[in-house]
N, C-alpha and C. Protein backbone atom coordinates (compact mmCIF):
# COMPACT_ATOMS: atom_id res chain seq x y z
N MET A 1 0.84 -1.19 0.00
CA MET A 1 0.00 0.00 0.00
C MET A 1 0.88 1.24 0.00
N LYS A 2 0.61 2.15 -0.92
CA LYS A 2 1.37 3.39 -1.01
C LYS A 2 1.10 4.26 0.21
N ARG A 3 2.16 4.91 0.66
CA ARG A 3 2.03 5.84 1.79
C ARG A 3 2.27 7.27 1.30
N THR A 4 1.66 8.21 1.98
CA THR A 4 1.90 9.62 1.71
C THR A 4 3.18 10.02 2.41
N VAL A 5 3.96 10.87 1.78
CA VAL A 5 5.20 11.36 2.38
C VAL A 5 5.05 12.86 2.65
N LYS A 6 5.32 13.22 3.88
CA LYS A 6 5.25 14.61 4.33
C LYS A 6 6.65 15.21 4.24
N ILE A 7 6.73 16.40 3.66
CA ILE A 7 7.99 17.13 3.53
C ILE A 7 7.84 18.43 4.32
N THR A 8 8.66 18.60 5.35
CA THR A 8 8.58 19.78 6.19
C THR A 8 9.87 20.57 6.05
N ILE A 9 9.73 21.87 5.79
CA ILE A 9 10.91 22.74 5.73
C ILE A 9 11.34 23.01 7.17
N LEU A 10 12.56 22.59 7.50
CA LEU A 10 13.09 22.78 8.85
C LEU A 10 13.86 24.08 9.00
N LYS A 11 14.63 24.41 7.96
CA LYS A 11 15.57 25.52 8.09
C LYS A 11 15.92 26.06 6.72
N SER A 12 16.20 27.34 6.65
CA SER A 12 16.71 27.97 5.43
C SER A 12 17.90 28.82 5.87
N GLU A 13 19.04 28.53 5.32
CA GLU A 13 20.28 29.17 5.78
C GLU A 13 20.98 29.90 4.64
N VAL A 14 21.96 30.71 5.02
CA VAL A 14 22.88 31.32 4.06
C VAL A 14 24.28 31.04 4.58
N ASP A 15 25.14 30.51 3.72
CA ASP A 15 26.54 30.34 4.07
C ASP A 15 27.21 31.68 3.82
N SER A 16 27.39 32.45 4.87
CA SER A 16 27.87 33.83 4.76
C SER A 16 29.22 33.93 4.07
N ALA A 17 30.14 33.05 4.41
CA ALA A 17 31.48 33.12 3.81
C ALA A 17 31.42 32.87 2.31
N LEU A 18 30.68 31.85 1.90
CA LEU A 18 30.56 31.59 0.47
C LEU A 18 29.77 32.67 -0.24
N ALA A 19 28.71 33.15 0.39
CA ALA A 19 27.90 34.21 -0.21
C ALA A 19 28.72 35.47 -0.40
N GLU A 20 29.54 35.80 0.57
CA GLU A 20 30.38 37.00 0.46
C GLU A 20 31.34 36.87 -0.73
N LYS A 21 31.83 35.69 -0.95
CA LYS A 21 32.79 35.48 -2.03
C LYS A 21 32.13 35.36 -3.41
N TYR A 22 30.94 34.71 -3.49
CA TYR A 22 30.37 34.36 -4.79
C TYR A 22 29.03 35.00 -5.13
N ALA A 23 28.28 35.44 -4.16
CA ALA A 23 26.91 35.90 -4.42
C ALA A 23 26.83 37.41 -4.64
N ILE A 24 25.68 37.81 -5.11
CA ILE A 24 25.40 39.23 -5.29
C ILE A 24 25.32 39.91 -3.92
N PRO A 25 25.47 41.22 -3.85
CA PRO A 25 25.34 41.93 -2.57
C PRO A 25 23.95 41.70 -1.97
N ASN A 26 23.89 41.72 -0.65
CA ASN A 26 22.63 41.57 0.11
C ASN A 26 21.92 40.25 -0.18
N PHE A 27 22.68 39.20 -0.41
CA PHE A 27 22.14 37.87 -0.68
C PHE A 27 21.34 37.39 0.52
N GLN A 28 20.17 36.86 0.29
CA GLN A 28 19.25 36.45 1.35
C GLN A 28 18.95 34.96 1.28
N PRO A 29 18.36 34.40 2.35
CA PRO A 29 17.93 32.99 2.31
C PRO A 29 16.92 32.77 1.18
N CYS A 30 16.67 31.52 0.90
CA CYS A 30 15.74 31.12 -0.17
C CYS A 30 14.43 31.91 -0.07
N PRO A 31 14.02 32.52 -1.18
CA PRO A 31 12.77 33.28 -1.16
C PRO A 31 11.53 32.41 -1.30
N PHE A 32 11.71 31.12 -1.57
CA PHE A 32 10.57 30.25 -1.85
C PHE A 32 10.12 29.41 -0.66
N HIS A 33 11.05 29.05 0.22
CA HIS A 33 10.71 28.14 1.31
C HIS A 33 11.12 28.71 2.66
N LYS A 34 10.19 28.63 3.60
CA LYS A 34 10.38 29.13 4.96
C LYS A 34 10.17 27.99 5.95
N PRO A 35 10.88 28.01 7.08
CA PRO A 35 10.67 26.98 8.10
C PRO A 35 9.19 26.84 8.47
N GLY A 36 8.77 25.60 8.58
CA GLY A 36 7.38 25.31 8.94
C GLY A 36 6.49 24.98 7.77
N GLN A 37 6.90 25.31 6.55
CA GLN A 37 6.09 24.95 5.39
C GLN A 37 6.01 23.43 5.30
N VAL A 38 4.87 22.93 4.86
CA VAL A 38 4.65 21.49 4.74
C VAL A 38 4.09 21.18 3.35
N PHE A 39 4.61 20.12 2.78
CA PHE A 39 4.17 19.64 1.47
C PHE A 39 3.91 18.14 1.59
N PHE A 40 3.07 17.60 0.71
CA PHE A 40 2.79 16.17 0.71
C PHE A 40 3.00 15.61 -0.70
N SER A 41 3.58 14.41 -0.76
CA SER A 41 3.81 13.74 -2.04
C SER A 41 3.25 12.33 -1.99
N ASP A 42 2.80 11.87 -3.15
CA ASP A 42 2.36 10.47 -3.28
C ASP A 42 3.55 9.56 -3.58
N GLY A 43 4.73 10.15 -3.68
CA GLY A 43 5.94 9.38 -3.97
C GLY A 43 6.35 9.44 -5.42
N ASP A 44 5.42 9.78 -6.28
CA ASP A 44 5.70 9.84 -7.71
C ASP A 44 5.77 11.27 -8.25
N HIS A 45 5.16 12.20 -7.53
CA HIS A 45 5.03 13.56 -8.06
C HIS A 45 5.56 14.59 -7.07
N LYS A 46 6.19 15.62 -7.63
CA LYS A 46 6.65 16.76 -6.84
C LYS A 46 5.42 17.52 -6.35
N PRO A 47 5.37 17.83 -5.08
CA PRO A 47 4.22 18.60 -4.59
C PRO A 47 4.18 20.00 -5.20
N ASP A 48 2.99 20.49 -5.45
CA ASP A 48 2.82 21.87 -5.93
C ASP A 48 3.46 22.81 -4.93
N GLY A 49 4.21 23.77 -5.45
CA GLY A 49 4.82 24.78 -4.59
C GLY A 49 6.23 24.44 -4.11
N LEU A 50 6.64 23.20 -4.26
CA LEU A 50 7.98 22.82 -3.84
C LEU A 50 8.95 23.08 -4.99
N CYS A 51 10.02 23.77 -4.71
CA CYS A 51 11.02 24.11 -5.72
C CYS A 51 11.64 22.85 -6.32
N GLU A 52 11.86 22.88 -7.62
CA GLU A 52 12.46 21.75 -8.32
C GLU A 52 13.84 21.40 -7.76
N PHE A 53 14.60 22.41 -7.31
CA PHE A 53 15.94 22.18 -6.78
C PHE A 53 15.90 21.59 -5.37
N ALA A 54 14.78 21.71 -4.70
CA ALA A 54 14.59 21.04 -3.42
C ALA A 54 14.15 19.58 -3.67
N TRP A 55 13.33 19.38 -4.69
CA TRP A 55 12.78 18.06 -5.01
C TRP A 55 13.83 17.10 -5.54
N GLN A 56 14.70 17.55 -6.43
CA GLN A 56 15.62 16.67 -7.13
C GLN A 56 16.47 15.79 -6.21
N PRO A 57 17.13 16.33 -5.19
CA PRO A 57 18.01 15.46 -4.40
C PRO A 57 17.28 14.46 -3.50
N MET A 58 15.97 14.62 -3.30
CA MET A 58 15.28 13.71 -2.39
C MET A 58 14.17 12.90 -3.04
N LYS A 59 13.91 13.11 -4.32
CA LYS A 59 12.75 12.46 -4.93
C LYS A 59 12.83 10.93 -4.88
N GLU A 60 14.01 10.34 -5.03
CA GLU A 60 14.12 8.88 -4.95
C GLU A 60 13.87 8.38 -3.53
N MET A 61 14.28 9.16 -2.54
CA MET A 61 14.03 8.78 -1.15
C MET A 61 12.55 8.90 -0.81
N VAL A 62 11.90 9.92 -1.34
CA VAL A 62 10.45 10.08 -1.15
C VAL A 62 9.73 8.87 -1.75
N LYS A 63 10.16 8.46 -2.93
CA LYS A 63 9.55 7.29 -3.59
C LYS A 63 9.72 6.03 -2.73
N LEU A 64 10.93 5.82 -2.20
CA LEU A 64 11.16 4.66 -1.33
C LEU A 64 10.22 4.66 -0.13
N LEU A 65 10.14 5.81 0.54
CA LEU A 65 9.25 5.90 1.72
C LEU A 65 7.80 5.64 1.34
N SER A 66 7.38 6.15 0.19
CA SER A 66 5.98 5.96 -0.22
C SER A 66 5.67 4.50 -0.49
N GLU A 67 6.70 3.73 -0.84
CA GLU A 67 6.53 2.31 -1.13
C GLU A 67 6.75 1.44 0.11
N GLY A 68 6.94 2.08 1.27
CA GLY A 68 7.10 1.33 2.51
C GLY A 68 8.52 0.88 2.80
N GLU A 69 9.47 1.36 2.02
CA GLU A 69 10.87 1.00 2.22
C GLU A 69 11.52 1.91 3.25
N LEU A 70 12.64 1.45 3.80
CA LEU A 70 13.44 2.28 4.70
C LEU A 70 14.51 3.00 3.88
N LEU A 71 15.00 4.11 4.37
CA LEU A 71 16.01 4.88 3.65
C LEU A 71 17.41 4.30 3.83
N GLN A 72 17.66 3.67 4.95
CA GLN A 72 18.95 3.05 5.27
C GLN A 72 18.65 1.78 6.07
N PRO A 73 19.63 0.90 6.20
CA PRO A 73 19.40 -0.26 7.05
C PRO A 73 19.00 0.19 8.47
N LYS A 74 18.08 -0.52 9.05
CA LYS A 74 17.51 -0.18 10.36
C LYS A 74 18.59 0.17 11.38
N GLY A 75 18.42 1.34 12.01
CA GLY A 75 19.30 1.75 13.09
C GLY A 75 20.65 2.31 12.69
N THR A 76 20.85 2.64 11.40
CA THR A 76 22.17 3.11 10.97
C THR A 76 22.26 4.61 10.74
N TRP A 77 21.13 5.32 10.78
CA TRP A 77 21.19 6.72 10.40
C TRP A 77 20.29 7.57 11.30
N MET A 78 19.00 7.40 11.16
CA MET A 78 18.03 8.21 11.90
C MET A 78 17.47 7.40 13.07
N VAL A 79 17.00 8.10 14.08
CA VAL A 79 16.34 7.45 15.21
C VAL A 79 15.08 6.73 14.71
N ASP A 80 14.36 7.39 13.82
CA ASP A 80 13.14 6.85 13.24
C ASP A 80 13.45 6.47 11.79
N ASP A 81 13.42 5.19 11.46
CA ASP A 81 13.88 4.70 10.16
C ASP A 81 13.02 5.10 8.96
N ASP A 82 11.84 5.67 9.21
CA ASP A 82 11.03 6.11 8.07
C ASP A 82 11.03 7.63 7.94
N LYS A 83 12.16 8.25 8.34
CA LYS A 83 12.37 9.69 8.20
C LYS A 83 13.77 9.93 7.64
N GLY A 84 13.94 11.11 7.05
CA GLY A 84 15.26 11.50 6.56
C GLY A 84 15.35 13.01 6.50
N VAL A 85 16.56 13.53 6.63
CA VAL A 85 16.80 14.96 6.54
C VAL A 85 17.66 15.21 5.31
N PHE A 86 17.19 16.10 4.44
CA PHE A 86 17.86 16.38 3.18
C PHE A 86 17.95 17.88 2.95
N THR A 87 18.82 18.28 2.02
CA THR A 87 18.92 19.68 1.65
C THR A 87 18.72 19.83 0.15
N CYS A 88 18.35 21.03 -0.25
CA CYS A 88 18.29 21.33 -1.67
C CYS A 88 19.71 21.45 -2.21
N VAL A 89 19.86 21.69 -3.48
CA VAL A 89 21.18 21.71 -4.10
C VAL A 89 21.85 23.08 -4.07
N ASP A 90 21.22 24.09 -3.50
CA ASP A 90 21.80 25.43 -3.45
C ASP A 90 22.85 25.49 -2.34
N GLY A 91 24.11 25.51 -2.73
CA GLY A 91 25.19 25.52 -1.76
C GLY A 91 25.37 26.84 -1.02
N LEU A 92 24.85 27.93 -1.57
CA LEU A 92 24.95 29.23 -0.91
C LEU A 92 23.83 29.45 0.09
N ARG A 93 22.67 28.93 -0.21
CA ARG A 93 21.51 29.12 0.69
C ARG A 93 20.68 27.84 0.76
N PRO A 94 21.22 26.82 1.40
CA PRO A 94 20.51 25.54 1.45
C PRO A 94 19.22 25.60 2.28
N VAL A 95 18.25 24.86 1.80
CA VAL A 95 17.00 24.65 2.53
C VAL A 95 17.07 23.22 3.05
N ILE A 96 16.82 23.05 4.34
CA ILE A 96 16.91 21.74 4.99
C ILE A 96 15.50 21.23 5.24
N MET A 97 15.25 19.99 4.81
CA MET A 97 13.90 19.41 4.85
C MET A 97 13.88 18.06 5.54
N LEU A 98 12.80 17.81 6.24
CA LEU A 98 12.53 16.50 6.84
C LEU A 98 11.51 15.81 5.96
N ILE A 99 11.79 14.56 5.59
CA ILE A 99 10.78 13.77 4.89
C ILE A 99 10.39 12.61 5.80
N GLU A 100 9.10 12.29 5.79
CA GLU A 100 8.64 11.19 6.64
C GLU A 100 7.38 10.59 6.06
N ALA A 101 7.28 9.29 6.16
CA ALA A 101 6.07 8.58 5.74
C ALA A 101 5.00 8.80 6.79
N VAL A 102 3.80 9.17 6.34
CA VAL A 102 2.75 9.46 7.32
C VAL A 102 1.55 8.52 7.24
N LYS A 103 1.38 7.76 6.17
CA LYS A 103 0.26 6.81 6.10
C LYS A 103 0.68 5.64 5.26
């Protein structure tokens, strides 16, 4: 049975040292995602409103969770084996997300 996967934005950061060296002046955290935002996926589709660059690095893990699989062998990574913490691909202002199977 397919499970729904909940994606929660935990944090949005700016790497100040890298931003100072490579980014435009007054570089800010991600304008699209804020802590506390929640999205839901069926495992096959990117949720509406979720940035493509946030979706890409975790879409295979979301699919695994939706199919009832674990992300890593039991007890090797997370306290709860049906959760994972991932970041988007933006190295200057990463968005950190929790994914978890909810049904």
